Amino acid sequence: MEIRVLRYFLAIAREGSITNAANFLHVTQPTLSRQIRELEEELGQKLFVRKSHSMTLTNEGMLLRKRAEEIVSMVDKTEAEFSSMENIIGGDIYIGGGETDAIKLVADVVKELRNDYPDIHYHLYSGNAADVTERLDKGLLDFGILIQPADISKYDYINLPAKDVWGVIMRKDSPLAQKDSIHKEDLLNIPLICSRQAMSQERSKNEFAQWFGEYFEKLNVVTTFNLVYNAAIMVEAGVGYAVTIDKLTNTTESSSLCFRPLEPRIESGLNIIWKKYQIFSAPAELFLERLRERFA
């Protein structure tokens, strides 16, 4: 299985037809068709459902697409790392993390490093803790930013000097907006929009389950999310109340939304993590040095 053929496969999956993919790749349609047939024969699986003017992925094709994207991404990252060895002031750094206001601390380090090394480029990936650690373990990320609680026992890490405050985002015309803070009893019998990570954690490690106590199983969770931006749109539309952290959504005077903290207060610490015994590219090593100077 060649990387070139995987790129061909991904192009067809993205473009939806042999014709469009051939134009994008600047290869002939017969060449592209032959390569995909040979790939299907090699794998012993049909990868596409072929129609008169389009091609859609089979279940097997969707599995290969996920794996091919990871493989191609790893190859591109490896090539970039070796290329950067020729010149220490250039290269790529891959950072993943959940949505948090603490990214400002990392942004300050990036800005400082760019002043000295303007040819270093940064690639940000947004996801929950499971998404970030999976990509970190596969070598697709150099660093991850995790919001506590999270299992960081198998990683090296630096504690970031910041705390995320948990609360509820709601419309300003909602009854709860009249309160200064939100208690667990306030959240019973109302539609809630909650973080998928928070709802899926083990009960013993779940801050929300511990905060809600006996009320946790009685919550009316109508929607889950992993990006607060989308959750805020749901709130604005009147779908429910979003339980999330502060400063990720516009809740200023000009907004129709407001934020109220939970009481008793829940604050989450943050860590920037990387794999133990990680061999970094030169740019990533420089970035880690600056992180340690600033926060360690």
C-alpha atoms as a PDB file:
ATOM      1  CA  MET A   1       0.000   0.000   0.000  1.00  0.00           C
ATOM      2  CA  GLU A   2       1.709   3.161  -1.225  1.00  0.00           C
ATOM      3  CA  ILE A   3       1.306   6.622   0.273  1.00  0.00           C
ATOM      4  CA  ARG A   4       0.695   7.997  -3.215  1.00  0.00           C
ATOM      5  CA  VAL A   5      -2.262   5.647  -3.694  1.00  0.00           C
ATOM      6  CA  LEU A   6      -3.680   6.588  -0.291  1.00  0.00           C
ATOM      7  CA  ARG A   7      -3.539  10.233  -1.377  1.00  0.00           C
ATOM      8  CA  TYR A   8      -5.422   9.258  -4.559  1.00  0.00           C
ATOM      9  CA  PHE A   9      -8.021   7.411  -2.479  1.00  0.00           C
ATOM     10  CA  LEU A  10      -8.502  10.392  -0.151  1.00  0.00           C
ATOM     11  CA  ALA A  11      -8.875  12.758  -3.101  1.00  0.00           C
ATOM     12  CA  ILE A  12     -11.687  10.646  -4.590  1.00  0.00           C
ATOM     13  CA  ALA A  13     -13.391  10.378  -1.197  1.00  0.00           C
ATOM     14  CA  ARG A  14     -13.193  14.158  -0.810  1.00  0.00           C
ATOM     15  CA  GLU A  15     -14.105  15.138  -4.399  1.00  0.00           C
ATOM     16  CA  GLY A  16     -16.857  12.536  -4.826  1.00  0.00           C
ATOM     17  CA  SER A  17     -15.888  11.365  -8.318  1.00  0.00           C
ATOM     18  CA  ILE A  18     -13.004  10.069 -10.414  1.00  0.00           C
ATOM     19  CA  THR A  19     -13.339  13.033 -12.766  1.00  0.00           C
ATOM     20  CA  ASN A  20     -13.067  15.698 -10.072  1.00  0.00           C
ATOM     21  CA  ALA A  21     -10.247  13.882  -8.270  1.00  0.00           C
ATOM     22  CA  ALA A  22      -8.287  13.418 -11.518  1.00  0.00           C
ATOM     23  CA  ASN A  23      -8.560  17.141 -12.253  1.00  0.00           C
ATOM     24  CA  PHE A  24      -7.431  17.992  -8.723  1.00  0.00           C
ATOM     25  CA  LEU A  25      -4.494  15.549  -8.817  1.00  0.00           C
ATOM     26  CA  HIS A  26      -3.522  16.299 -12.440  1.00  0.00           C
ATOM     27  CA  VAL A  27      -3.564  12.622 -13.415  1.00  0.00           C
ATOM     28  CA  THR A  28      -5.627  10.840 -16.040  1.00  0.00           C
ATOM     29  CA  GLN A  29      -8.922   9.218 -15.120  1.00  0.00           C
ATOM     30  CA  PRO A  30      -7.857   5.738 -16.362  1.00  0.00           C
ATOM     31  CA  THR A  31      -4.708   5.916 -14.202  1.00  0.00           C
ATOM     32  CA  LEU A  32      -6.737   6.880 -11.147  1.00  0.00           C
ATOM     33  CA  SER A  33      -9.364   4.203 -11.770  1.00  0.00           C
ATOM     34  CA  ARG A  34      -6.681   1.537 -12.159  1.00  0.00           C
ATOM     35  CA  GLN A  35      -4.915   2.549  -8.934  1.00  0.00           C
ATOM     36  CA  ILE A  36      -8.163   2.363  -6.931  1.00  0.00           C
ATOM     37  CA  ARG A  37      -9.084  -1.034  -8.419  1.00  0.00           C
ATOM     38  CA  GLU A  38      -5.646  -2.351  -7.491  1.00  0.00           C
ATOM     39  CA  LEU A  39      -6.039  -0.940  -3.957  1.00  0.00           C
ATOM     40  CA  GLU A  40      -9.398  -2.710  -3.580  1.00  0.00           C
ATOM     41  CA  GLU A  41      -7.859  -5.949  -4.834  1.00  0.00           C
ATOM     42  CA  GLU A  42      -4.930  -5.568  -2.426  1.00  0.00           C
ATOM     43  CA  LEU A  43      -7.263  -5.055   0.538  1.00  0.00           C
ATOM     44  CA  GLY A  44      -9.870  -7.558  -0.645  1.00  0.00           C
ATOM     45  CA  GLN A  45     -12.638  -5.034   0.011  1.00  0.00           C
ATOM     46  CA  LYS A  46     -14.883  -2.782  -2.062  1.00  0.00           C
ATOM     47  CA  LEU A  47     -14.110   0.807  -1.039  1.00  0.00           C
ATOM     48  CA  PHE A  48     -16.583   2.789  -3.147  1.00  0.00           C
ATOM     49  CA  VAL A  49     -20.178   2.530  -4.322  1.00  0.00           C
ATOM     50  CA  ARG A  50     -19.918   3.598  -7.942  1.00  0.00           C
ATOM     51  CA  LYS A  51     -22.772   5.556  -9.527  1.00  0.00           C
ATOM     52  CA  SER A  52     -23.043   7.155 -12.967  1.00  0.00           C
ATOM     53  CA  HIS A  53     -21.591  10.523 -11.920  1.00  0.00           C
ATOM     54  CA  SER A  54     -20.416  10.022  -8.348  1.00  0.00           C
ATOM     55  CA  MET A  55     -18.665   7.686  -5.919  1.00  0.00           C
ATOM     56  CA  THR A  56     -19.482   7.240  -2.228  1.00  0.00           C
ATOM     57  CA  LEU A  57     -17.578   5.326   0.413  1.00  0.00           C
ATOM     58  CA  THR A  58     -18.625   1.897   1.620  1.00  0.00           C
ATOM     59  CA  ASN A  59     -18.306   1.069   5.344  1.00  0.00           C
ATOM     60  CA  GLU A  60     -14.901  -0.407   4.578  1.00  0.00           C
ATOM     61  CA  GLY A  61     -14.018   2.736   2.647  1.00  0.00           C
ATOM     62  CA  MET A  62     -14.937   4.946   5.599  1.00  0.00           C
ATOM     63  CA  LEU A  63     -12.643   2.886   7.844  1.00  0.00           C
ATOM     64  CA  LEU A  64      -9.775   3.203   5.364  1.00  0.00           C
ATOM     65  CA  ARG A  65     -10.411   6.942   5.054  1.00  0.00           C
ATOM     66  CA  LYS A  66      -9.878   7.404   8.801  1.00  0.00           C
ATOM     67  CA  ARG A  67      -6.695   5.314   8.767  1.00  0.00           C
ATOM     68  CA  ALA A  68      -5.401   6.880   5.540  1.00  0.00           C
ATOM     69  CA  GLU A  69      -5.837  10.396   6.935  1.00  0.00           C
ATOM     70  CA  GLU A  70      -3.795   9.405   9.998  1.00  0.00           C
ATOM     71  CA  ILE A  71      -1.081   7.750   7.884  1.00  0.00           C
ATOM     72  CA  VAL A  72      -0.771  10.626   5.418  1.00  0.00           C
ATOM     73  CA  SER A  73      -0.765  13.165   8.258  1.00  0.00           C
ATOM     74  CA  MET A  74       2.030  11.244   9.997  1.00  0.00           C
ATOM     75  CA  VAL A  75       4.072  11.070   6.766  1.00  0.00           C
ATOM     76  CA  ASP A  76       3.654  14.820   6.178  1.00  0.00           C
ATOM     77  CA  LYS A  77       4.626  15.569   9.775  1.00  0.00           C
ATOM     78  CA  THR A  78       7.710  13.313   9.557  1.00  0.00           C
ATOM     79  CA  GLU A  79       8.844  14.910   6.305  1.00  0.00           C
ATOM     80  CA  ALA A  80       8.409  18.361   7.840  1.00  0.00           C
ATOM     81  CA  GLU A  81      10.459  17.361  10.901  1.00  0.00           C
ATOM     82  CA  PHE A  82      13.355  16.092   8.807  1.00  0.00           C
ATOM     83  CA  SER A  83      13.181  19.157   6.618  1.00  0.00           C
ATOM     84  CA  SER A  84      13.354  21.385   9.699  1.00  0.00           C
ATOM     85  CA  MET A  85      16.581  19.660  10.802  1.00  0.00           C
ATOM     86  CA  GLU A  86      18.350  21.452   7.977  1.00  0.00           C
ATOM     87  CA  ASN A  87      17.425  24.793   9.502  1.00  0.00           C
ATOM     88  CA  ILE A  88      16.665  25.064  13.201  1.00  0.00           C
ATOM     89  CA  ILE A  89      14.663  28.246  12.761  1.00  0.00           C
ATOM     90  CA  GLY A  90      11.945  26.656  10.611  1.00  0.00           C
ATOM     91  CA  GLY A  91       9.424  23.860  11.000  1.00  0.00           C
ATOM     92  CA  ASP A  92       6.050  22.879  12.405  1.00  0.00           C
ATOM     93  CA  ILE A  93       4.602  22.434  15.890  1.00  0.00           C
ATOM     94  CA  TYR A  94       1.325  20.560  16.442  1.00  0.00           C
ATOM     95  CA  ILE A  95      -0.767  21.439  19.510  1.00  0.00           C
ATOM     96  CA  GLY A  96      -4.112  19.942  20.519  1.00  0.00           C
ATOM     97  CA  GLY A  97      -6.511  20.885  23.270  1.00  0.00           C
ATOM     98  CA  GLY A  98     -10.004  21.580  24.478  1.00  0.00           C
ATOM     99  CA  GLU A  99     -11.558  25.015  24.393  1.00  0.00           C
ATOM    100  CA  THR A 100     -10.145  27.101  27.236  1.00  0.00           C
ATOM    101  CA  ASP A 101      -9.303  30.718  27.915  1.00  0.00           C
ATOM    102  CA  ALA A 102      -5.882  29.496  29.088  1.00  0.00           C
ATOM    103  CA  ILE A 103      -4.849  29.182  25.432  1.00  0.00           C
ATOM    104  CA  LYS A 104      -3.933  32.867  25.861  1.00  0.00           C
ATOM    105  CA  LEU A 105      -0.949  31.760  27.971  1.00  0.00           C
ATOM    106  CA  VAL A 106       0.242  29.467  25.200  1.00  0.00           C
ATOM    107  CA  ALA A 107      -0.434  32.176  22.621  1.00  0.00           C
ATOM    108  CA  ASP A 108       1.913  34.496  24.530  1.00  0.00           C
ATOM    109  CA  VAL A 109       4.685  31.904  24.248  1.00  0.00           C
ATOM    110  CA  VAL A 110       3.963  31.429  20.533  1.00  0.00           C
ATOM    111  CA  LYS A 111       4.113  35.194  19.964  1.00  0.00           C
ATOM    112  CA  GLU A 112       7.414  35.469  21.835  1.00  0.00           C
ATOM    113  CA  LEU A 113       8.942  32.546  19.932  1.00  0.00           C
ATOM    114  CA  ARG A 114       7.775  33.906  16.586  1.00  0.00           C
ATOM    115  CA  ASN A 115       9.658  37.121  17.255  1.00  0.00           C
ATOM    116  CA  ASP A 116      12.883  35.090  17.273  1.00  0.00           C
ATOM    117  CA  TYR A 117      11.904  32.298  14.860  1.00  0.00           C
ATOM    118  CA  PRO A 118       9.325  33.612  12.352  1.00  0.00           C
ATOM    119  CA  ASP A 119       9.599  30.511  10.136  1.00  0.00           C
ATOM    120  CA  ILE A 120       8.117  28.205  12.778  1.00  0.00           C
ATOM    121  CA  HIS A 121       4.484  27.389  11.979  1.00  0.00           C
ATOM    122  CA  TYR A 122       1.825  26.221  14.444  1.00  0.00           C
ATOM    123  CA  HIS A 123      -1.057  23.818  13.837  1.00  0.00           C
ATOM    124  CA  LEU A 124      -3.926  23.775  16.351  1.00  0.00           C
ATOM    125  CA  TYR A 125      -6.297  20.845  16.796  1.00  0.00           C
ATOM    126  CA  SER A 126      -9.452  21.189  18.910  1.00  0.00           C
ATOM    127  CA  GLY A 127     -10.917  18.188  20.692  1.00  0.00           C
ATOM    128  CA  ASN A 128     -11.735  16.688  24.062  1.00  0.00           C
ATOM    129  CA  ALA A 129      -9.204  14.867  26.249  1.00  0.00           C
ATOM    130  CA  ALA A 130      -9.780  11.498  24.563  1.00  0.00           C
ATOM    131  CA  ASP A 131      -9.301  12.985  21.069  1.00  0.00           C
ATOM    132  CA  VAL A 132      -6.157  14.861  22.076  1.00  0.00           C
ATOM    133  CA  THR A 133      -4.441  11.980  23.912  1.00  0.00           C
ATOM    134  CA  GLU A 134      -5.240   9.571  21.067  1.00  0.00           C
ATOM    135  CA  ARG A 135      -3.578  11.861  18.523  1.00  0.00           C
ATOM    136  CA  LEU A 136      -0.708  12.533  20.928  1.00  0.00           C
ATOM    137  CA  ASP A 137      -0.114   8.799  21.403  1.00  0.00           C
ATOM    138  CA  LYS A 138      -0.096   8.283  17.623  1.00  0.00           C
ATOM    139  CA  GLY A 139       2.490  11.030  17.158  1.00  0.00           C
ATOM    140  CA  LEU A 140       0.113  13.348  15.305  1.00  0.00           C
ATOM    141  CA  LEU A 141       0.506  16.024  17.980  1.00  0.00           C
ATOM    142  CA  ASP A 142       3.575  17.320  19.802  1.00  0.00           C
ATOM    143  CA  PHE A 143       1.697  18.796  22.768  1.00  0.00           C
ATOM    144  CA  GLY A 144      -1.755  18.605  24.304  1.00  0.00           C
ATOM    145  CA  ILE A 145      -3.593  21.004  26.606  1.00  0.00           C
ATOM    146  CA  LEU A 146      -5.897  19.142  28.998  1.00  0.00           C
ATOM    147  CA  ILE A 147      -8.521  20.485  31.359  1.00  0.00           C
ATOM    148  CA  GLN A 148      -8.622  18.651  34.676  1.00  0.00           C
ATOM    149  CA  PRO A 149      -9.701  16.102  35.729  1.00  0.00           C
ATOM    150  CA  ALA A 150      -7.709  14.063  33.211  1.00  0.00           C
ATOM    151  CA  ASP A 151      -5.377  11.069  33.495  1.00  0.00           C
ATOM    152  CA  ILE A 152      -1.875  12.402  32.766  1.00  0.00           C
ATOM    153  CA  SER A 153       0.077   9.610  34.488  1.00  0.00           C
ATOM    154  CA  LYS A 154       1.752   8.422  31.294  1.00  0.00           C
ATOM    155  CA  TYR A 155       2.801  11.893  30.133  1.00  0.00           C
ATOM    156  CA  ASP A 156       5.290  14.564  31.080  1.00  0.00           C
ATOM    157  CA  TYR A 157       3.550  17.829  31.794  1.00  0.00           C
ATOM    158  CA  ILE A 158       3.670  21.407  33.009  1.00  0.00           C
ATOM    159  CA  ASN A 159       0.919  22.905  35.133  1.00  0.00           C
ATOM    160  CA  LEU A 160      -0.453  26.070  33.568  1.00  0.00           C
ATOM    161  CA  PRO A 161      -1.054  28.920  36.056  1.00  0.00           C
ATOM    162  CA  ALA A 162      -4.744  29.269  35.247  1.00  0.00           C
ATOM    163  CA  LYS A 163      -8.120  27.966  36.376  1.00  0.00           C
ATOM    164  CA  ASP A 164     -11.245  27.453  34.312  1.00  0.00           C
ATOM    165  CA  VAL A 165     -14.467  28.409  36.110  1.00  0.00           C
ATOM    166  CA  TRP A 166     -17.522  26.249  35.397  1.00  0.00           C
ATOM    167  CA  GLY A 167     -21.022  27.608  35.134  1.00  0.00           C
ATOM    168  CA  VAL A 168     -24.069  27.900  32.905  1.00  0.00           C
ATOM    169  CA  ILE A 169     -24.575  29.884  29.709  1.00  0.00           C
ATOM    170  CA  MET A 170     -28.165  31.012  29.229  1.00  0.00           C
ATOM    171  CA  ARG A 171     -30.275  33.595  27.473  1.00  0.00           C
ATOM    172  CA  LYS A 172     -30.502  36.905  29.295  1.00  0.00           C
ATOM    173  CA  ASP A 173     -34.298  36.666  29.214  1.00  0.00           C
ATOM    174  CA  SER A 174     -34.325  33.303  31.044  1.00  0.00           C
ATOM    175  CA  PRO A 175     -35.494  33.102  34.691  1.00  0.00           C
ATOM    176  CA  LEU A 176     -32.101  31.850  35.922  1.00  0.00           C
ATOM    177  CA  ALA A 177     -30.399  34.956  34.525  1.00  0.00           C
ATOM    178  CA  GLN A 178     -31.732  36.870  37.524  1.00  0.00           C
ATOM    179  CA  LYS A 179     -29.477  34.813  39.838  1.00  0.00           C
ATOM    180  CA  ASP A 180     -25.838  35.620  40.675  1.00  0.00           C
ATOM    181  CA  SER A 181     -24.881  31.924  40.774  1.00  0.00           C
ATOM    182  CA  ILE A 182     -26.438  28.561  39.964  1.00  0.00           C
ATOM    183  CA  HIS A 183     -27.126  25.783  42.480  1.00  0.00           C
ATOM    184  CA  LYS A 184     -27.745  22.136  41.637  1.00  0.00           C
ATOM    185  CA  GLU A 185     -31.450  22.429  42.432  1.00  0.00           C
ATOM    186  CA  ASP A 186     -31.753  25.163  39.778  1.00  0.00           C
ATOM    187  CA  LEU A 187     -30.761  22.714  37.040  1.00  0.00           C
ATOM    188  CA  LEU A 188     -33.386  20.071  37.717  1.00  0.00           C
ATOM    189  CA  ASN A 189     -36.328  19.873  35.308  1.00  0.00           C
ATOM    190  CA  ILE A 190     -34.769  22.201  32.731  1.00  0.00           C
ATOM    191  CA  PRO A 191     -33.186  21.178  29.385  1.00  0.00           C
ATOM    192  CA  LEU A 192     -29.395  21.017  29.675  1.00  0.00           C
ATOM    193  CA  ILE A 193     -26.664  21.116  27.045  1.00  0.00           C
ATOM    194  CA  CYS A 194     -23.561  19.410  28.452  1.00  0.00           C
ATOM    195  CA  SER A 195     -20.006  18.580  27.433  1.00  0.00           C
ATOM    196  CA  ARG A 196     -19.785  15.066  26.021  1.00  0.00           C
ATOM    197  CA  GLN A 197     -16.533  14.493  27.906  1.00  0.00           C
ATOM    198  CA  ALA A 198     -18.059  15.541  31.225  1.00  0.00           C
ATOM    199  CA  MET A 199     -21.036  13.244  30.768  1.00  0.00           C
ATOM    200  CA  SER A 200     -19.012  10.211  29.650  1.00  0.00           C
ATOM    201  CA  GLN A 201     -16.342  10.159  32.372  1.00  0.00           C
ATOM    202  CA  GLU A 202     -16.370   7.518  35.082  1.00  0.00           C
ATOM    203  CA  ARG A 203     -18.533   8.579  38.010  1.00  0.00           C
ATOM    204  CA  SER A 204     -15.570   8.511  40.415  1.00  0.00           C
ATOM    205  CA  LYS A 205     -13.575  10.903  38.166  1.00  0.00           C
ATOM    206  CA  ASN A 206     -16.464  13.087  37.103  1.00  0.00           C
ATOM    207  CA  GLU A 207     -16.497  16.486  38.814  1.00  0.00           C
ATOM    208  CA  PHE A 208     -20.035  17.104  37.631  1.00  0.00           C
ATOM    209  CA  ALA A 209     -21.365  13.838  39.012  1.00  0.00           C
ATOM    210  CA  GLN A 210     -19.758  14.617  42.353  1.00  0.00           C
ATOM    211  CA  TRP A 211     -21.054  18.209  42.312  1.00  0.00           C
ATOM    212  CA  PHE A 212     -24.617  17.164  41.453  1.00  0.00           C
ATOM    213  CA  GLY A 213     -24.557  14.200  43.834  1.00  0.00           C
ATOM    214  CA  GLU A 214     -27.882  12.362  43.931  1.00  0.00           C
ATOM    215  CA  TYR A 215     -29.311  14.756  41.337  1.00  0.00           C
ATOM    216  CA  PHE A 216     -26.904  13.648  38.579  1.00  0.00           C
ATOM    217  CA  GLU A 217     -29.085  10.809  37.264  1.00  0.00           C
ATOM    218  CA  LYS A 218     -32.148  13.095  37.234  1.00  0.00           C
ATOM    219  CA  LEU A 219     -30.677  15.708  34.876  1.00  0.00           C
ATOM    220  CA  ASN A 220     -32.512  16.343  31.620  1.00  0.00           C
ATOM    221  CA  VAL A 221     -29.597  16.429  29.159  1.00  0.00           C
ATOM    222  CA  VAL A 222     -31.130  17.137  25.752  1.00  0.00           C
ATOM    223  CA  THR A 223     -27.902  17.837  23.832  1.00  0.00           C
ATOM    224  CA  THR A 224     -24.189  17.049  24.237  1.00  0.00           C
ATOM    225  CA  PHE A 225     -21.316  18.890  22.577  1.00  0.00           C
ATOM    226  CA  ASN A 226     -17.544  19.052  22.252  1.00  0.00           C
ATOM    227  CA  LEU A 227     -17.339  22.609  20.875  1.00  0.00           C
ATOM    228  CA  VAL A 228     -18.821  25.425  22.949  1.00  0.00           C
ATOM    229  CA  TYR A 229     -19.411  27.585  19.875  1.00  0.00           C
ATOM    230  CA  ASN A 230     -22.065  25.153  18.645  1.00  0.00           C
ATOM    231  CA  ALA A 231     -23.543  24.789  22.140  1.00  0.00           C
ATOM    232  CA  ALA A 232     -23.934  28.582  22.407  1.00  0.00           C
ATOM    233  CA  ILE A 233     -25.930  28.603  19.163  1.00  0.00           C
ATOM    234  CA  MET A 234     -28.248  25.994  20.681  1.00  0.00           C
ATOM    235  CA  VAL A 235     -28.667  28.141  23.787  1.00  0.00           C
ATOM    236  CA  GLU A 236     -29.396  31.236  21.717  1.00  0.00           C
ATOM    237  CA  ALA A 237     -32.044  29.275  19.800  1.00  0.00           C
ATOM    238  CA  GLY A 238     -33.755  28.386  23.073  1.00  0.00           C
ATOM    239  CA  VAL A 239     -32.870  24.677  23.098  1.00  0.00           C
ATOM    240  CA  GLY A 240     -31.572  24.715  26.681  1.00  0.00           C
ATOM    241  CA  TYR A 241     -28.912  25.834  29.156  1.00  0.00           C
ATOM    242  CA  ALA A 242     -25.235  24.987  28.473  1.00  0.00           C
ATOM    243  CA  VAL A 243     -23.025  23.799  31.327  1.00  0.00           C
ATOM    244  CA  THR A 244     -19.512  24.870  30.357  1.00  0.00           C
ATOM    245  CA  ILE A 245     -16.558  27.035  31.319  1.00  0.00           C
ATOM    246  CA  ASP A 246     -16.403  30.817  31.334  1.00  0.00           C
ATOM    247  CA  LYS A 247     -14.880  33.131  28.712  1.00  0.00           C
ATOM    248  CA  LEU A 248     -15.428  30.868  25.690  1.00  0.00           C
ATOM    249  CA  THR A 249     -18.615  32.530  24.473  1.00  0.00           C
ATOM    250  CA  ASN A 250     -19.557  36.152  23.976  1.00  0.00           C
ATOM    251  CA  THR A 251     -21.563  37.083  27.068  1.00  0.00           C
ATOM    252  CA  THR A 252     -20.887  40.828  26.956  1.00  0.00           C
ATOM    253  CA  GLU A 253     -23.599  43.498  27.112  1.00  0.00           C
ATOM    254  CA  SER A 254     -24.069  43.293  23.349  1.00  0.00           C
ATOM    255  CA  SER A 255     -24.799  39.543  23.498  1.00  0.00           C
ATOM    256  CA  SER A 256     -28.165  37.902  24.149  1.00  0.00           C
ATOM    257  CA  LEU A 257     -26.367  35.369  26.381  1.00  0.00           C
ATOM    258  CA  CYS A 258     -24.957  35.540  29.904  1.00  0.00           C
ATOM    259  CA  PHE A 259     -22.822  33.312  32.156  1.00  0.00           C
ATOM    260  CA  ARG A 260     -23.537  32.401  35.776  1.00  0.00           C
ATOM    261  CA  PRO A 261     -20.986  30.397  37.855  1.00  0.00           C
ATOM    262  CA  LEU A 262     -21.892  27.225  39.695  1.00  0.00           C
ATOM    263  CA  GLU A 263     -22.184  27.399  43.478  1.00  0.00           C
ATOM    264  CA  PRO A 264     -20.397  25.715  45.214  1.00  0.00           C
ATOM    265  CA  ARG A 265     -17.722  26.828  42.773  1.00  0.00           C
ATOM    266  CA  ILE A 266     -15.992  24.355  40.410  1.00  0.00           C
ATOM    267  CA  GLU A 267     -12.585  25.336  39.056  1.00  0.00           C
ATOM    268  CA  SER A 268     -10.466  23.126  36.802  1.00  0.00           C
ATOM    269  CA  GLY A 269      -6.694  23.241  36.526  1.00  0.00           C
ATOM    270  CA  LEU A 270      -4.908  22.828  33.213  1.00  0.00           C
ATOM    271  CA  ASN A 271      -1.832  20.950  32.026  1.00  0.00           C
ATOM    272  CA  ILE A 272       0.189  21.049  28.851  1.00  0.00           C
ATOM    273  CA  ILE A 273       1.375  17.481  28.219  1.00  0.00           C
ATOM    274  CA  TRP A 274       3.666  15.528  25.913  1.00  0.00           C
ATOM    275  CA  LYS A 275       4.733  11.904  25.578  1.00  0.00           C
ATOM    276  CA  LYS A 276       7.417  10.678  27.956  1.00  0.00           C
ATOM    277  CA  TYR A 277      10.781  10.135  26.244  1.00  0.00           C
ATOM    278  CA  GLN A 278       9.505  12.129  23.268  1.00  0.00           C
ATOM    279  CA  ILE A 279      12.149  13.010  20.683  1.00  0.00           C
ATOM    280  CA  PHE A 280      11.104  16.452  19.504  1.00  0.00           C
ATOM    281  CA  SER A 281      11.836  18.292  16.297  1.00  0.00           C
ATOM    282  CA  ALA A 282      14.046  21.343  16.747  1.00  0.00           C
ATOM    283  CA  PRO A 283      11.086  23.793  16.706  1.00  0.00           C
ATOM    284  CA  ALA A 284       9.124  21.714  19.238  1.00  0.00           C
ATOM    285  CA  GLU A 285      12.195  21.534  21.488  1.00  0.00           C
ATOM    286  CA  LEU A 286      12.500  25.321  21.376  1.00  0.00           C
ATOM    287  CA  PHE A 287       8.821  25.672  22.192  1.00  0.00           C
ATOM    288  CA  LEU A 288       9.162  23.341  25.199  1.00  0.00           C
ATOM    289  CA  GLU A 289      12.153  25.315  26.465  1.00  0.00           C
ATOM    290  CA  ARG A 290      10.100  28.522  26.360  1.00  0.00           C
ATOM    291  CA  LEU A 291       7.194  26.817  28.137  1.00  0.00           C
ATOM    292  CA  ARG A 292       9.519  25.677  30.914  1.00  0.00           C
ATOM    293  CA  GLU A 293      11.077  29.116  31.235  1.00  0.00           C
ATOM    294  CA  ARG A 294       7.641  30.675  31.533  1.00  0.00           C
ATOM    295  CA  PHE A 295       5.680  28.151  33.618  1.00  0.00           C
ATOM    296  CA  ALA A 296       7.828  25.369  35.150  1.00  0.00           C
END
